[in-house]
Amino acid sequence: MTREQVIGNRSTIYYQLSTVTSYQLSVISYQLSVISYQLSLFTVHCHLSPVTCQLSTVNCQLSTVNCQLSPVTSPKI
């Protein structure tokens, strides 16, 4: 295997990892938007921890997702 082939394979792996990670994050952000839509009286504050990727198994996982609910003051009618 030549050096160009090795570099090409690595770039392909990086591309696949970035695609999977962005897809997972988009799904999570979609779910959070639905939750914030349903909870109209609350504001959802979420903190995503860094995404950990393992090159050996090509698996990306979000370690923790911390969400906090804070009440929103609504005008009294």
PDB file of N, CA and C in Angstrom:
ATOM      1  N   MET A   1       0.850  -1.189   0.000  1.00  0.00           N
ATOM      2  CA  MET A   1       0.000   0.000   0.000  1.00  0.00           C
ATOM      3  C   MET A   1       0.887   1.240   0.000  1.00  0.00           C
ATOM      4  N   THR A   2       0.615   2.140  -0.888  1.00  0.00           N
ATOM      5  CA  THR A   2       1.429   3.346  -0.976  1.00  0.00           C
ATOM      6  C   THR A   2       0.985   4.353   0.069  1.00  0.00           C
ATOM      7  N   ARG A   3       1.781   5.401   0.205  1.00  0.00           N
ATOM      8  CA  ARG A   3       1.470   6.413   1.208  1.00  0.00           C
ATOM      9  C   ARG A   3       0.207   7.193   0.829  1.00  0.00           C
ATOM     10  N   GLU A   4       0.006   7.407  -0.471  1.00  0.00           N
ATOM     11  CA  GLU A   4      -1.184   8.133  -0.905  1.00  0.00           C
ATOM     12  C   GLU A   4      -2.457   7.365  -0.551  1.00  0.00           C
ATOM     13  N   GLN A   5      -2.397   6.038  -0.654  1.00  0.00           N
ATOM     14  CA  GLN A   5      -3.573   5.242  -0.328  1.00  0.00           C
ATOM     15  C   GLN A   5      -3.889   5.305   1.162  1.00  0.00           C
ATOM     16  N   VAL A   6      -2.851   5.288   1.982  1.00  0.00           N
ATOM     17  CA  VAL A   6      -3.055   5.366   3.426  1.00  0.00           C
ATOM     18  C   VAL A   6      -3.674   6.702   3.794  1.00  0.00           C
ATOM     19  N   ILE A   7      -3.157   7.782   3.234  1.00  0.00           N
ATOM     20  CA  ILE A   7      -3.707   9.105   3.524  1.00  0.00           C
ATOM     21  C   ILE A   7      -5.150   9.193   3.030  1.00  0.00           C
ATOM     22  N   GLY A   8      -5.420   8.598   1.881  1.00  0.00           N
ATOM     23  CA  GLY A   8      -6.783   8.608   1.359  1.00  0.00           C
ATOM     24  C   GLY A   8      -7.740   7.862   2.269  1.00  0.00           C
ATOM     25  N   ASN A   9      -7.309   6.725   2.794  1.00  0.00           N
ATOM     26  CA  ASN A   9      -8.168   5.964   3.691  1.00  0.00           C
ATOM     27  C   ASN A   9      -8.422   6.725   4.986  1.00  0.00           C
ATOM     28  N   ARG A  10      -7.414   7.370   5.505  1.00  0.00           N
ATOM     29  CA  ARG A  10      -7.596   8.125   6.742  1.00  0.00           C
ATOM     30  C   ARG A  10      -8.551   9.295   6.537  1.00  0.00           C
ATOM     31  N   SER A  11      -8.421   9.975   5.418  1.00  0.00           N
ATOM     32  CA  SER A  11      -9.317  11.096   5.168  1.00  0.00           C
ATOM     33  C   SER A  11     -10.754  10.605   5.027  1.00  0.00           C
ATOM     34  N   THR A  12     -10.922   9.418   4.471  1.00  0.00           N
ATOM     35  CA  THR A  12     -12.269   8.856   4.345  1.00  0.00           C
ATOM     36  C   THR A  12     -12.848   8.542   5.713  1.00  0.00           C
ATOM     37  N   ILE A  13     -12.033   7.985   6.603  1.00  0.00           N
ATOM     38  CA  ILE A  13     -12.495   7.675   7.957  1.00  0.00           C
ATOM     39  C   ILE A  13     -12.877   8.956   8.690  1.00  0.00           C
ATOM     40  N   TYR A  14     -12.069   9.991   8.575  1.00  0.00           N
ATOM     41  CA  TYR A  14     -12.395  11.250   9.223  1.00  0.00           C
ATOM     42  C   TYR A  14     -13.699  11.814   8.683  1.00  0.00           C
ATOM     43  N   TYR A  15     -13.915  11.665   7.389  1.00  0.00           N
ATOM     44  CA  TYR A  15     -15.150  12.167   6.774  1.00  0.00           C
ATOM     45  C   TYR A  15     -16.366  11.412   7.313  1.00  0.00           C
ATOM     46  N   GLN A  16     -16.233  10.108   7.453  1.00  0.00           N
ATOM     47  CA  GLN A  16     -17.343   9.311   7.972  1.00  0.00           C
ATOM     48  C   GLN A  16     -17.640   9.670   9.426  1.00  0.00           C
ATOM     49  N   LEU A  17     -16.608   9.866  10.223  1.00  0.00           N
ATOM     50  CA  LEU A  17     -16.813  10.223  11.621  1.00  0.00           C
ATOM     51  C   LEU A  17     -17.510  11.568  11.742  1.00  0.00           C
ATOM     52  N   SER A  18     -17.085  12.542  10.945  1.00  0.00           N
ATOM     53  CA  SER A  18     -17.706  13.858  11.031  1.00  0.00           C
ATOM     54  C   SER A  18     -19.156  13.802  10.572  1.00  0.00           C
ATOM     55  N   THR A  19     -19.447  12.959   9.600  1.00  0.00           N
ATOM     56  CA  THR A  19     -20.823  12.843   9.119  1.00  0.00           C
ATOM     57  C   THR A  19     -21.723  12.228  10.185  1.00  0.00           C
ATOM     58  N   VAL A  20     -21.259  11.161  10.827  1.00  0.00           N
ATOM     59  CA  VAL A  20     -22.053  10.506  11.866  1.00  0.00           C
ATOM     60  C   VAL A  20     -22.258  11.445  13.046  1.00  0.00           C
ATOM     61  N   THR A  21     -21.215  12.158  13.440  1.00  0.00           N
ATOM     62  CA  THR A  21     -21.316  13.061  14.578  1.00  0.00           C
ATOM     63  C   THR A  21     -22.306  14.179  14.297  1.00  0.00           C
ATOM     64  N   SER A  22     -22.228  14.782  13.117  1.00  0.00           N
ATOM     65  CA  SER A  22     -23.140  15.872  12.797  1.00  0.00           C
ATOM     66  C   SER A  22     -24.574  15.363  12.720  1.00  0.00           C
ATOM     67  N   TYR A  23     -24.760  14.139  12.266  1.00  0.00           N
ATOM     68  CA  TYR A  23     -26.107  13.565  12.187  1.00  0.00           C
ATOM     69  C   TYR A  23     -26.675  13.349  13.584  1.00  0.00           C
ATOM     70  N   GLN A  24     -25.869  12.800  14.489  1.00  0.00           N
ATOM     71  CA  GLN A  24     -26.340  12.575  15.850  1.00  0.00           C
ATOM     72  C   GLN A  24     -26.662  13.894  16.541  1.00  0.00           C
ATOM     73  N   LEU A  25     -25.828  14.903  16.330  1.00  0.00           N
ATOM     74  CA  LEU A  25     -26.073  16.190  16.964  1.00  0.00           C
ATOM     75  C   LEU A  25     -27.334  16.835  16.411  1.00  0.00           C
ATOM     76  N   SER A  26     -27.588  16.675  15.118  1.00  0.00           N
ATOM     77  CA  SER A  26     -28.793  17.258  14.537  1.00  0.00           C
ATOM     78  C   SER A  26     -30.041  16.581  15.086  1.00  0.00           C
ATOM     79  N   VAL A  27     -29.969  15.277  15.299  1.00  0.00           N
ATOM     80  CA  VAL A  27     -31.113  14.563  15.862  1.00  0.00           C
ATOM     81  C   VAL A  27     -31.362  15.007  17.294  1.00  0.00           C
ATOM     82  N   ILE A  28     -30.287  15.153  18.081  1.00  0.00           N
ATOM     83  CA  ILE A  28     -30.429  15.587  19.469  1.00  0.00           C
ATOM     84  C   ILE A  28     -30.986  17.005  19.533  1.00  0.00           C
ATOM     85  N   SER A  29     -30.489  17.896  18.670  1.00  0.00           N
ATOM     86  CA  SER A  29     -30.991  19.264  18.678  1.00  0.00           C
ATOM     87  C   SER A  29     -32.454  19.298  18.258  1.00  0.00           C
ATOM     88  N   TYR A  30     -32.849  18.387  17.371  1.00  0.00           N
ATOM     89  CA  TYR A  30     -34.251  18.307  16.960  1.00  0.00           C
ATOM     90  C   TYR A  30     -35.121  17.864  18.132  1.00  0.00           C
ATOM     91  N   GLN A  31     -34.661  16.870  18.878  1.00  0.00           N
ATOM     92  CA  GLN A  31     -35.415  16.397  20.033  1.00  0.00           C
ATOM     93  C   GLN A  31     -35.516  17.488  21.095  1.00  0.00           C
ATOM     94  N   LEU A  32     -34.441  18.231  21.293  1.00  0.00           N
ATOM     95  CA  LEU A  32     -34.465  19.303  22.279  1.00  0.00           C
ATOM     96  C   LEU A  32     -35.413  20.413  21.855  1.00  0.00           C
ATOM     97  N   SER A  33     -35.489  20.696  20.562  1.00  0.00           N
ATOM     98  CA  SER A  33     -36.402  21.724  20.090  1.00  0.00           C
ATOM     99  C   SER A  33     -37.847  21.294  20.294  1.00  0.00           C
ATOM    100  N   VAL A  34     -38.115  19.997  20.125  1.00  0.00           N
ATOM    101  CA  VAL A  34     -39.463  19.488  20.368  1.00  0.00           C
ATOM    102  C   VAL A  34     -39.806  19.596  21.846  1.00  0.00           C
ATOM    103  N   ILE A  35     -38.852  19.264  22.709  1.00  0.00           N
ATOM    104  CA  ILE A  35     -39.078  19.352  24.151  1.00  0.00           C
ATOM    105  C   ILE A  35     -39.335  20.801  24.560  1.00  0.00           C
ATOM    106  N   SER A  36     -38.544  21.726  24.040  1.00  0.00           N
ATOM    107  CA  SER A  36     -38.732  23.126  24.397  1.00  0.00           C
ATOM    108  C   SER A  36     -40.049  23.657  23.839  1.00  0.00           C
ATOM    109  N   TYR A  37     -40.500  23.084  22.735  1.00  0.00           N
ATOM    110  CA  TYR A  37     -41.784  23.499  22.167  1.00  0.00           C
ATOM    111  C   TYR A  37     -42.934  23.010  23.041  1.00  0.00           C
ATOM    112  N   GLN A  38     -42.840  21.786  23.522  1.00  0.00           N
ATOM    113  CA  GLN A  38     -43.890  21.233  24.370  1.00  0.00           C
ATOM    114  C   GLN A  38     -43.922  21.941  25.727  1.00  0.00           C
ATOM    115  N   LEU A  39     -42.764  22.243  26.265  1.00  0.00           N
ATOM    116  CA  LEU A  39     -42.709  22.946  27.543  1.00  0.00           C
ATOM    117  C   LEU A  39     -42.684  24.445  27.272  1.00  0.00           C
ATOM    118  N   SER A  40     -43.860  24.996  27.029  1.00  0.00           N
ATOM    119  CA  SER A  40     -43.928  26.408  26.653  1.00  0.00           C
ATOM    120  C   SER A  40     -43.648  27.318  27.846  1.00  0.00           C
ATOM    121  N   LEU A  41     -43.856  26.829  29.050  1.00  0.00           N
ATOM    122  CA  LEU A  41     -43.649  27.644  30.242  1.00  0.00           C
ATOM    123  C   LEU A  41     -42.239  27.516  30.801  1.00  0.00           C
ATOM    124  N   PHE A  42     -41.421  26.738  30.151  1.00  0.00           N
ATOM    125  CA  PHE A  42     -40.068  26.530  30.649  1.00  0.00           C
ATOM    126  C   PHE A  42     -39.056  26.739  29.534  1.00  0.00           C
ATOM    127  N   THR A  43     -37.886  27.180  29.937  1.00  0.00           N
ATOM    128  CA  THR A  43     -36.787  27.305  28.994  1.00  0.00           C
ATOM    129  C   THR A  43     -35.800  26.173  29.231  1.00  0.00           C
ATOM    130  N   VAL A  44     -35.416  25.513  28.157  1.00  0.00           N
ATOM    131  CA  VAL A  44     -34.514  24.367  28.272  1.00  0.00           C
ATOM    132  C   VAL A  44     -33.085  24.820  27.999  1.00  0.00           C
ATOM    133  N   HIS A  45     -32.214  24.644  28.972  1.00  0.00           N
ATOM    134  CA  HIS A  45     -30.795  24.951  28.803  1.00  0.00           C
ATOM    135  C   HIS A  45     -30.030  23.636  28.796  1.00  0.00           C
ATOM    136  N   CYS A  46     -29.406  23.348  27.690  1.00  0.00           N
ATOM    137  CA  CYS A  46     -28.694  22.076  27.558  1.00  0.00           C
ATOM    138  C   CYS A  46     -27.216  22.316  27.274  1.00  0.00           C
ATOM    139  N   HIS A  47     -26.388  21.511  27.902  1.00  0.00           N
ATOM    140  CA  HIS A  47     -24.946  21.589  27.691  1.00  0.00           C
ATOM    141  C   HIS A  47     -24.458  20.239  27.184  1.00  0.00           C
ATOM    142  N   LEU A  48     -23.956  20.230  25.970  1.00  0.00           N
ATOM    143  CA  LEU A  48     -23.439  18.992  25.396  1.00  0.00           C
ATOM    144  C   LEU A  48     -21.955  18.863  25.694  1.00  0.00           C
ATOM    145  N   SER A  49     -21.592  17.734  26.223  1.00  0.00           N
ATOM    146  CA  SER A  49     -20.180  17.491  26.486  1.00  0.00           C
ATOM    147  C   SER A  49     -19.482  17.157  25.171  1.00  0.00           C
ATOM    148  N   PRO A  50     -18.165  17.263  25.135  1.00  0.00           N
ATOM    149  CA  PRO A  50     -17.436  16.947  23.899  1.00  0.00           C
ATOM    150  C   PRO A  50     -17.717  15.531  23.419  1.00  0.00           C
ATOM    151  N   VAL A  51     -17.746  15.378  22.124  1.00  0.00           N
ATOM    152  CA  VAL A  51     -18.009  14.071  21.528  1.00  0.00           C
ATOM    153  C   VAL A  51     -16.722  13.258  21.512  1.00  0.00           C
ATOM    154  N   THR A  52     -16.792  12.070  22.078  1.00  0.00           N
ATOM    155  CA  THR A  52     -15.625  11.190  22.110  1.00  0.00           C
ATOM    156  C   THR A  52     -15.729  10.168  20.984  1.00  0.00           C
ATOM    157  N   CYS A  53     -14.700  10.096  20.162  1.00  0.00           N
ATOM    158  CA  CYS A  53     -14.689   9.158  19.036  1.00  0.00           C
ATOM    159  C   CYS A  53     -13.519   8.196  19.175  1.00  0.00           C
ATOM    160  N   GLN A  54     -13.779   6.931  18.904  1.00  0.00           N
ATOM    161  CA  GLN A  54     -12.736   5.920  18.917  1.00  0.00           C
ATOM    162  C   GLN A  54     -12.465   5.489  17.485  1.00  0.00           C
ATOM    163  N   LEU A  55     -11.205   5.629  17.069  1.00  0.00           N
ATOM    164  CA  LEU A  55     -10.857   5.286  15.694  1.00  0.00           C
ATOM    165  C   LEU A  55     -10.810   3.782  15.470  1.00  0.00           C
ATOM    166  N   SER A  56     -10.615   3.016  16.541  1.00  0.00           N
ATOM    167  CA  SER A  56     -10.482   1.569  16.368  1.00  0.00           C
ATOM    168  C   SER A  56     -11.818   0.937  15.988  1.00  0.00           C
ATOM    169  N   THR A  57     -12.890   1.370  16.638  1.00  0.00           N
ATOM    170  CA  THR A  57     -14.203   0.784  16.365  1.00  0.00           C
ATOM    171  C   THR A  57     -15.082   1.703  15.531  1.00  0.00           C
ATOM    172  N   VAL A  58     -14.599   2.900  15.234  1.00  0.00           N
ATOM    173  CA  VAL A  58     -15.349   3.901  14.473  1.00  0.00           C
ATOM    174  C   VAL A  58     -16.715   4.109  15.111  1.00  0.00           C
ATOM    175  N   ASN A  59     -16.721   4.390  16.408  1.00  0.00           N
ATOM    176  CA  ASN A  59     -17.958   4.661  17.137  1.00  0.00           C
ATOM    177  C   ASN A  59     -17.856   6.014  17.819  1.00  0.00           C
ATOM    178  N   CYS A  60     -18.842   6.851  17.588  1.00  0.00           N
ATOM    179  CA  CYS A  60     -18.881   8.155  18.247  1.00  0.00           C
ATOM    180  C   CYS A  60     -20.001   8.151  19.274  1.00  0.00           C
ATOM    181  N   GLN A  61     -19.697   8.621  20.468  1.00  0.00           N
ATOM    182  CA  GLN A  61     -20.699   8.655  21.526  1.00  0.00           C
ATOM    183  C   GLN A  61     -20.650   9.998  22.240  1.00  0.00           C
ATOM    184  N   LEU A  62     -21.834  10.495  22.597  1.00  0.00           N
ATOM    185  CA  LEU A  62     -21.911  11.665  23.463  1.00  0.00           C
ATOM    186  C   LEU A  62     -21.889  11.163  24.899  1.00  0.00           C
ATOM    187  N   SER A  63     -20.909  11.612  25.663  1.00  0.00           N
ATOM    188  CA  SER A  63     -20.754  11.061  27.008  1.00  0.00           C
ATOM    189  C   SER A  63     -21.912  11.479  27.908  1.00  0.00           C
ATOM    190  N   THR A  64     -22.187  12.760  27.992  1.00  0.00           N
ATOM    191  CA  THR A  64     -23.293  13.203  28.834  1.00  0.00           C
ATOM    192  C   THR A  64     -24.007  14.374  28.199  1.00  0.00           C
ATOM    193  N   VAL A  65     -25.293  14.452  28.446  1.00  0.00           N
ATOM    194  CA  VAL A  65     -26.090  15.599  28.013  1.00  0.00           C
ATOM    195  C   VAL A  65     -26.800  16.148  29.239  1.00  0.00           C
ATOM    196  N   ASN A  66     -26.420  17.345  29.662  1.00  0.00           N
ATOM    197  CA  ASN A  66     -27.013  17.948  30.843  1.00  0.00           C
ATOM    198  C   ASN A  66     -28.051  18.989  30.444  1.00  0.00           C
ATOM    199  N   CYS A  67     -29.276  18.776  30.875  1.00  0.00           N
ATOM    200  CA  CYS A  67     -30.348  19.716  30.565  1.00  0.00           C
ATOM    201  C   CYS A  67     -30.942  20.254  31.862  1.00  0.00           C
ATOM    202  N   GLN A  68     -31.182  21.548  31.897  1.00  0.00           N
ATOM    203  CA  GLN A  68     -31.800  22.173  33.053  1.00  0.00           C
ATOM    204  C   GLN A  68     -33.031  22.945  32.610  1.00  0.00           C
ATOM    205  N   LEU A  69     -34.077  22.899  33.432  1.00  0.00           N
ATOM    206  CA  LEU A  69     -35.303  23.628  33.139  1.00  0.00           C
ATOM    207  C   LEU A  69     -35.389  24.853  34.038  1.00  0.00           C
ATOM    208  N   SER A  70     -35.589  25.994  33.438  1.00  0.00           N
ATOM    209  CA  SER A  70     -35.760  27.214  34.217  1.00  0.00           C
ATOM    210  C   SER A  70     -37.106  27.827  33.866  1.00  0.00           C
ATOM    211  N   PRO A  71     -37.909  28.193  34.856  1.00  0.00           N
ATOM    212  CA  PRO A  71     -39.238  28.748  34.591  1.00  0.00           C
ATOM    213  C   PRO A  71     -39.150  30.113  33.923  1.00  0.00           C
ATOM    214  N   VAL A  72     -40.080  30.343  33.033  1.00  0.00           N
ATOM    215  CA  VAL A  72     -40.146  31.622  32.336  1.00  0.00           C
ATOM    216  C   VAL A  72     -41.304  32.420  32.912  1.00  0.00           C
ATOM    217  N   THR A  73     -41.035  33.659  33.250  1.00  0.00           N
ATOM    218  CA  THR A  73     -42.084  34.501  33.823  1.00  0.00           C
ATOM    219  C   THR A  73     -43.028  34.938  32.718  1.00  0.00           C
ATOM    220  N   SER A  74     -44.278  34.542  32.854  1.00  0.00           N
ATOM    221  CA  SER A  74     -45.279  34.911  31.858  1.00  0.00           C
ATOM    222  C   SER A  74     -46.137  36.045  32.408  1.00  0.00           C
ATOM    223  N   PRO A  75     -46.547  36.961  31.561  1.00  0.00           N
ATOM    224  CA  PRO A  75     -47.384  38.075  32.029  1.00  0.00           C
ATOM    225  C   PRO A  75     -48.740  37.590  32.514  1.00  0.00           C
ATOM    226  N   LYS A  76     -49.170  38.096  33.633  1.00  0.00           N
ATOM    227  CA  LYS A  76     -50.462  37.692  34.192  1.00  0.00           C
ATOM    228  C   LYS A  76     -51.588  38.428  33.477  1.00  0.00           C
ATOM    229  N   ILE A  77     -52.614  37.659  33.147  1.00  0.00           N
ATOM    230  CA  ILE A  77     -53.762  38.254  32.448  1.00  0.00           C
ATOM    231  C   ILE A  77     -54.867  38.578  33.452  1.00  0.00           C
TER     232      ILE A  77
END
